[in-house]
Structures are given as structure tokens and as C-alpha cells.
Amino acid sequence: MPLVPINGTRLFVEDTGPGSTGETIVFSHGLLWSGEMFAAQVAHFRDRYRCIAYDHRGQGRSDDHPGRIVTMELVYEDAVALLESLGPGQKVHFAGLSMGGFVAMRLAARRPDLLASMILLETSAEPEPRENLRKYKMLNAVARYLSLSLVSNKVMPIMFGRDFLESPERELDRRIWLSKLLGNRQSIYRAVNGVIEREGIEEEITRIKSPSLVIVGEQDTATVPAKAERIQRSIAGASLVRIPRAGHSSSIEHPEAVNAAIERFLSSLR
């Protein structure tokens, strides 16, 4: 699978090629994961849309990044360079989950010429809440200097909802995603620093004019539904969909419901 030179690094980019509609959906993943978290969405839409799922700098299968931090501004710049590489005049539907949503909102506010629409999942326009910082920094330090396995029992409930974590029917899925979590490089701490130290963009998003869909899992404790509601109120014409029994990773936990919400939204644009 290709590593593509982008903005001074190499990003892993999965590109399905043209679909029947001639339109493109770009998927931007959440912290600690990769474009794999959108596998169900790519499988659902690839016949009709060109689907591009990429891994952020320093995460997944993309190249690592030196230094202490991968800032959100740098990740945003990578996304701009990726979209610009698709060719002049190209506008995409950009779907971002959590960290990917931070990227999406910056794109929609600053580079609306690159977007046909924006789809946000489990994200926030606000900085990391002060009450979370000490806990997240401690978890990050343990993962960096010791092992992610020592904090996985704290991280999984942040990333997934109660039903996913407790349902006997989801045991295999839990094992798969725990394995992916533990498969992160030790240098993942740099991306974590970028997320927990990010600046809020509450004022910026009020300028967004792109058609926007906001999706949130009703069991999301990392970016609670109230934050999705605030985003929806701040963006003119934005719609909000709540996914029952889903946590912070609804694209994995309830992919059919997420696919249906995106399907309705994209159909409404036509």
C-alpha cells in the first residue's frame, strides 16, 4: 500500500479510485487509530464515490515525526497538502472523527475551496478540558516510558461506549481493536501531545459555510453529545445525528447507522 510524499513527510493513503458519481470522500481518523477505523464506510461507499482514507503523520502506517509533538496545525497542513495534490478545482466530502474532526473544522473554516461538505464524528471545537489534562498526560507518560498495555484498560473506555465494551456479542471486535491499540508505536505520545495541547476554534467554526453533518454517539464520554450540539448550533444549516449505544468510535461500533446517516446527508446535497 502506498506511502505518498506529502508536506515533507510520507502519509499512508488508501485510494479506491473513481466511483460512479465522480465525487470523493476523504476519511480522517481519530487519535490512536488509523484509516482502518473507516473500513466499513469505505466498503459501503466505494462503488459510488472515490474513497480516500489516510493515516496522520506519526500514526498508523505513515512515517514517524521527530520532536516532542505533532501539532494540530501541522496535521491540518498535511491535510491541505493532501487535498491540493488531488488536482486543481477538486472539492471533497471530508469526514473526520475526533482528531480527524479537528482537521475537518480547520479545513472548512480556512480552506472552503477544498470542501464540498464536512462530516464530523465524535469531535469538539473546544480545547481539551482542563480537568482532563492531568489524567491524559499521566496516561501518555506511562505509554511513552513503559507500555501502552499498562493503560489500555483506561484508554478503551475513552474510545468505546459501554455497550461495545460489555456486550458478549462484541468480544471478538474488542479483541481486534485492543490489538490495534497495543500495536501503536511508542512514539504515539507525540500525536497525543498535539491533541491534548490543541487550541480551541470555537470562533473559527462560526464562519463555516460548507454543508455540514455532525454525528455523535450517545455514549461518547470523550467528546460528549453536548459538544456536538454546540458545534451544530455554531455552523449555519448544520444537521445533527445521534447514534444510540455508540461511544467515541461510532464508525466501528455501529457502522450501519453511521453509513445510513452519511448516505442521507450526501443524498440531500443533490
Protein backbone atom coordinates (compact mmCIF):
# COMPACT_ATOMS: atom_id res chain seq x y z
CA MET A 1 0.00 0.00 0.00
CA PRO A 2 1.36 3.41 -0.94
CA LEU A 3 3.29 5.88 1.15
CA VAL A 4 2.72 9.21 -0.57
CA PRO A 5 5.11 12.18 -0.20
CA ILE A 6 3.03 14.95 1.41
CA ASN A 7 4.22 18.16 3.06
CA GLY A 8 7.72 16.93 3.86
CA THR A 9 6.70 13.50 5.15
CA ARG A 10 5.13 10.33 3.77
CA LEU A 11 1.49 9.57 4.54
CA PHE A 12 -0.14 6.20 4.06
CA VAL A 13 -3.02 6.83 1.67
CA GLU A 14 -5.60 4.22 0.66
CA ASP A 15 -7.37 5.34 -2.52
CA THR A 16 -10.15 3.24 -4.04
CA GLY A 17 -10.14 5.14 -7.33
CA PRO A 18 -13.12 6.68 -9.14
CA GLY A 19 -16.68 5.76 -8.20
CA SER A 20 -19.79 6.07 -10.33
CA THR A 21 -20.75 9.54 -9.02
CA GLY A 22 -17.41 11.19 -9.76
CA GLU A 23 -17.33 12.55 -6.18
CA THR A 24 -14.71 11.93 -3.48
CA ILE A 25 -14.97 11.24 0.26
CA VAL A 26 -11.81 11.67 2.33
CA PHE A 27 -11.75 9.97 5.74
CA SER A 28 -9.59 11.36 8.57
CA HIS A 29 -9.21 9.13 11.63
CA GLY A 30 -9.11 9.63 15.37
CA LEU A 31 -6.13 9.61 17.72
CA LEU A 32 -4.50 6.18 18.37
CA TRP A 33 -6.06 4.60 15.30
CA SER A 34 -5.64 4.76 11.52
CA GLY A 35 -7.74 4.94 8.38
CA GLU A 36 -8.77 1.36 9.19
CA MET A 37 -11.43 2.73 11.52
CA PHE A 38 -13.37 3.73 8.39
CA ALA A 39 -13.14 0.34 6.69
CA ALA A 40 -16.91 -0.19 6.86
CA GLN A 41 -17.59 3.24 5.39
CA VAL A 42 -15.09 2.75 2.54
CA ALA A 43 -16.63 -0.64 1.75
CA HIS A 44 -20.12 0.88 1.70
CA PHE A 45 -19.38 3.93 -0.47
CA ARG A 46 -16.53 2.86 -2.74
CA ASP A 47 -18.68 1.79 -5.69
CA ARG A 48 -20.19 5.26 -6.00
CA TYR A 49 -17.53 7.53 -4.51
CA ARG A 50 -13.79 7.72 -4.72
CA CYS A 51 -12.85 6.93 -1.11
CA ILE A 52 -9.55 8.10 0.34
CA ALA A 53 -8.58 7.06 3.87
CA TYR A 54 -5.22 8.26 5.12
CA ASP A 55 -3.14 7.91 8.27
CA HIS A 56 -1.99 11.04 10.08
CA ARG A 57 1.68 11.87 10.38
CA GLY A 58 3.24 9.75 13.14
CA GLN A 59 0.27 7.36 13.32
CA GLY A 60 -0.85 4.16 11.67
CA ARG A 61 1.30 3.32 8.68
CA SER A 62 2.50 6.86 7.95
CA ASP A 63 6.06 7.95 8.64
CA ASP A 64 7.06 8.97 12.13
CA HIS A 65 7.73 12.55 13.16
CA PRO A 66 10.66 13.82 15.25
CA GLY A 67 10.42 16.06 18.27
CA ARG A 68 8.07 16.24 21.23
CA ILE A 69 4.80 16.97 19.47
CA VAL A 70 2.83 16.62 16.26
CA THR A 71 0.77 19.79 16.44
CA MET A 72 -2.78 20.01 15.18
CA GLU A 73 -1.70 22.84 12.90
CA LEU A 74 0.85 20.56 11.25
CA VAL A 75 -1.73 17.79 10.83
CA TYR A 76 -4.07 20.37 9.29
CA GLU A 77 -1.32 21.48 6.89
CA ASP A 78 -0.78 17.84 5.88
CA ALA A 79 -4.48 17.57 5.04
CA VAL A 80 -4.37 20.74 2.95
CA ALA A 81 -1.39 19.39 1.01
CA LEU A 82 -3.12 16.03 0.50
CA LEU A 83 -6.30 17.64 -0.84
CA GLU A 84 -4.36 20.02 -3.07
CA SER A 85 -2.49 17.04 -4.52
CA LEU A 86 -5.79 15.69 -5.89
CA GLY A 87 -5.76 18.41 -8.53
CA PRO A 88 -6.97 21.98 -9.07
CA GLY A 89 -10.65 22.61 -8.53
CA GLN A 90 -11.24 19.32 -6.70
CA LYS A 91 -13.73 19.55 -3.84
CA VAL A 92 -14.21 16.61 -1.49
CA HIS A 93 -16.62 15.48 1.18
CA PHE A 94 -14.32 15.43 4.21
CA ALA A 95 -15.25 13.08 7.08
CA GLY A 96 -13.27 13.42 10.30
CA LEU A 97 -13.67 11.55 13.58
CA SER A 98 -12.40 13.12 16.81
CA MET A 99 -8.86 14.25 15.85
CA GLY A 100 -9.95 13.99 12.21
CA GLY A 101 -12.80 16.32 13.09
CA PHE A 102 -10.31 18.89 14.42
CA VAL A 103 -8.74 18.76 10.96
CA ALA A 104 -12.09 18.94 9.17
CA MET A 105 -13.24 22.06 11.02
CA ARG A 106 -9.98 23.86 10.31
CA LEU A 107 -10.30 22.98 6.63
CA ALA A 108 -13.91 24.14 6.41
CA ALA A 109 -13.15 27.42 8.19
CA ARG A 110 -9.90 28.24 6.40
CA ARG A 111 -9.97 26.44 3.05
CA PRO A 112 -13.61 26.10 1.99
CA ASP A 113 -12.41 25.96 -1.61
CA LEU A 114 -11.27 22.39 -0.93
CA LEU A 115 -14.53 21.05 0.53
CA ALA A 116 -17.88 20.09 -0.98
CA SER A 117 -19.14 19.23 2.51
CA MET A 118 -17.97 18.34 6.01
CA ILE A 119 -18.92 15.31 8.10
CA LEU A 120 -17.91 15.40 11.77
CA LEU A 121 -18.00 12.40 14.08
CA GLU A 122 -17.36 12.49 17.85
CA THR A 123 -15.38 15.70 17.92
CA SER A 124 -15.12 19.12 19.57
CA ALA A 125 -14.29 22.68 18.58
CA GLU A 126 -13.08 23.36 22.11
CA PRO A 127 -9.62 22.85 23.64
CA GLU A 128 -9.10 19.78 25.79
CA PRO A 129 -10.97 20.36 29.06
CA ARG A 130 -8.64 21.41 31.85
CA GLU A 131 -9.95 18.62 34.08
CA ASN A 132 -8.78 16.00 31.55
CA LEU A 133 -5.23 17.27 31.11
CA ARG A 134 -3.60 15.75 34.18
CA LYS A 135 -5.15 12.32 33.54
CA TYR A 136 -4.28 12.30 29.84
CA LYS A 137 -0.72 13.47 30.44
CA MET A 138 -0.24 10.73 33.03
CA LEU A 139 -1.59 8.05 30.67
CA ASN A 140 0.61 9.41 27.89
CA ALA A 141 3.72 9.30 30.09
CA VAL A 142 3.09 5.69 31.10
CA ALA A 143 2.58 4.70 27.45
CA ARG A 144 5.74 6.55 26.40
CA TYR A 145 8.17 5.37 29.07
CA LEU A 146 6.67 1.98 29.96
CA SER A 147 3.96 0.41 27.81
CA LEU A 148 0.54 1.13 26.34
CA SER A 149 -0.58 -2.21 27.73
CA LEU A 150 -0.39 -0.74 31.24
CA VAL A 151 -3.03 1.88 30.44
CA SER A 152 -5.16 0.07 27.86
CA ASN A 153 -7.85 -0.62 30.47
CA LYS A 154 -8.15 3.16 30.95
CA VAL A 155 -7.98 4.04 27.25
CA MET A 156 -10.53 1.57 25.89
CA PRO A 157 -13.45 3.12 27.88
CA ILE A 158 -12.46 6.53 26.49
CA MET A 159 -12.52 5.21 22.94
CA PHE A 160 -15.61 2.99 23.04
CA GLY A 161 -19.08 3.06 24.52
CA ARG A 162 -20.45 0.94 27.33
CA ASP A 163 -22.44 -1.38 25.06
CA PHE A 164 -19.43 -2.17 22.87
CA LEU A 165 -17.25 -2.89 25.90
CA GLU A 166 -19.78 -5.03 27.77
CA SER A 167 -21.74 -6.92 25.10
CA PRO A 168 -20.74 -10.61 24.80
CA GLU A 169 -21.51 -10.41 21.07
CA ARG A 170 -18.73 -7.82 20.58
CA GLU A 171 -15.95 -9.81 22.26
CA LEU A 172 -14.10 -10.52 19.00
CA ASP A 173 -14.37 -6.86 17.95
CA ARG A 174 -12.97 -5.78 21.32
CA ARG A 175 -10.01 -8.12 20.91
CA ILE A 176 -9.32 -6.81 17.41
CA TRP A 177 -9.35 -3.16 18.42
CA LEU A 178 -7.42 -3.74 21.64
CA SER A 179 -4.75 -5.41 19.50
CA LYS A 180 -4.69 -2.39 17.18
CA LEU A 181 -4.41 -0.06 20.18
CA LEU A 182 -1.46 -2.01 21.57
CA GLY A 183 0.13 -2.03 18.12
CA ASN A 184 0.82 1.71 18.26
CA ARG A 185 4.44 2.80 18.11
CA GLN A 186 5.91 4.14 21.34
CA SER A 187 6.29 7.49 19.56
CA ILE A 188 2.49 7.87 19.54
CA TYR A 189 2.99 10.16 22.54
CA ARG A 190 3.87 12.96 20.07
CA ALA A 191 0.44 12.80 18.46
CA VAL A 192 -1.22 12.62 21.88
CA ASN A 193 0.61 15.80 22.89
CA GLY A 194 -0.75 17.51 19.79
CA VAL A 195 -4.31 16.59 20.62
CA ILE A 196 -4.31 17.45 24.31
CA GLU A 197 -2.44 20.73 23.73
CA ARG A 198 -4.57 21.90 20.80
CA GLU A 199 -6.17 25.32 20.74
CA GLY A 200 -9.93 25.73 20.52
CA ILE A 201 -11.51 27.01 17.31
CA GLU A 202 -14.98 27.94 18.58
CA GLU A 203 -14.88 31.34 16.88
CA GLU A 204 -13.48 29.97 13.62
CA ILE A 205 -16.27 27.48 13.06
CA THR A 206 -18.92 30.20 13.06
CA ARG A 207 -17.52 31.18 9.62
CA ILE A 208 -18.08 27.73 8.12
CA LYS A 209 -20.44 27.78 5.13
CA SER A 210 -19.91 24.24 3.82
CA PRO A 211 -22.87 21.85 4.19
CA SER A 212 -22.18 20.06 7.47
CA LEU A 213 -23.29 16.91 9.24
CA VAL A 214 -22.44 16.34 12.91
CA ILE A 215 -22.61 12.76 14.25
CA VAL A 216 -22.15 11.77 17.88
CA GLY A 217 -22.51 8.56 19.84
CA GLU A 218 -24.92 8.87 22.73
CA GLN A 219 -22.44 7.02 24.99
CA ASP A 220 -19.45 9.16 24.00
CA THR A 221 -17.63 10.28 27.15
CA ALA A 222 -14.53 11.73 25.41
CA THR A 223 -16.41 14.37 23.42
CA VAL A 224 -19.84 14.31 25.00
CA PRO A 225 -23.00 14.92 22.92
CA ALA A 226 -23.33 18.45 24.33
CA LYS A 227 -20.16 19.39 22.44
CA ALA A 228 -21.65 18.10 19.19
CA GLU A 229 -24.76 20.15 19.90
CA ARG A 230 -22.65 23.28 20.35
CA ILE A 231 -20.91 22.64 17.02
CA GLN A 232 -24.26 22.15 15.30
CA ARG A 233 -25.58 25.43 16.70
CA SER A 234 -22.42 27.30 15.63
CA ILE A 235 -22.48 26.23 11.97
CA ALA A 236 -25.31 27.63 9.89
CA GLY A 237 -27.52 24.88 8.48
CA ALA A 238 -25.61 22.01 10.13
CA SER A 239 -27.57 18.88 10.99
CA LEU A 240 -27.02 16.60 13.98
CA VAL A 241 -27.43 12.83 14.22
CA ARG A 242 -27.08 10.93 17.48
CA ILE A 243 -26.10 7.25 17.28
CA PRO A 244 -27.74 5.17 20.04
CA ARG A 245 -25.49 2.83 22.05
CA ALA A 246 -22.32 4.19 20.41
CA GLY A 247 -19.33 5.76 22.13
CA HIS A 248 -16.34 7.68 20.77
CA SER A 249 -15.80 5.39 17.77
CA SER A 250 -19.22 5.09 16.14
CA SER A 251 -17.77 4.20 12.72
CA ILE A 252 -16.53 0.97 14.35
CA GLU A 253 -19.24 0.40 16.95
CA HIS A 254 -22.30 0.94 14.75
CA PRO A 255 -21.12 1.26 11.14
CA GLU A 256 -24.55 0.66 9.59
CA ALA A 257 -26.07 3.60 11.47
CA VAL A 258 -23.14 5.84 10.55
CA ASN A 259 -23.33 4.77 6.90
CA ALA A 260 -27.06 5.50 6.82
CA ALA A 261 -26.57 8.98 8.32
CA ILE A 262 -23.85 9.84 5.80
CA GLU A 263 -25.95 8.40 2.97
CA ARG A 264 -28.91 10.61 3.86
CA PHE A 265 -26.69 13.66 4.16
CA LEU A 266 -24.94 13.17 0.82
CA SER A 267 -28.25 12.44 -0.90
CA SER A 268 -29.66 15.70 0.47
CA LEU A 269 -26.86 17.65 -1.23
CA ARG A 270 -28.02 16.53 -4.64
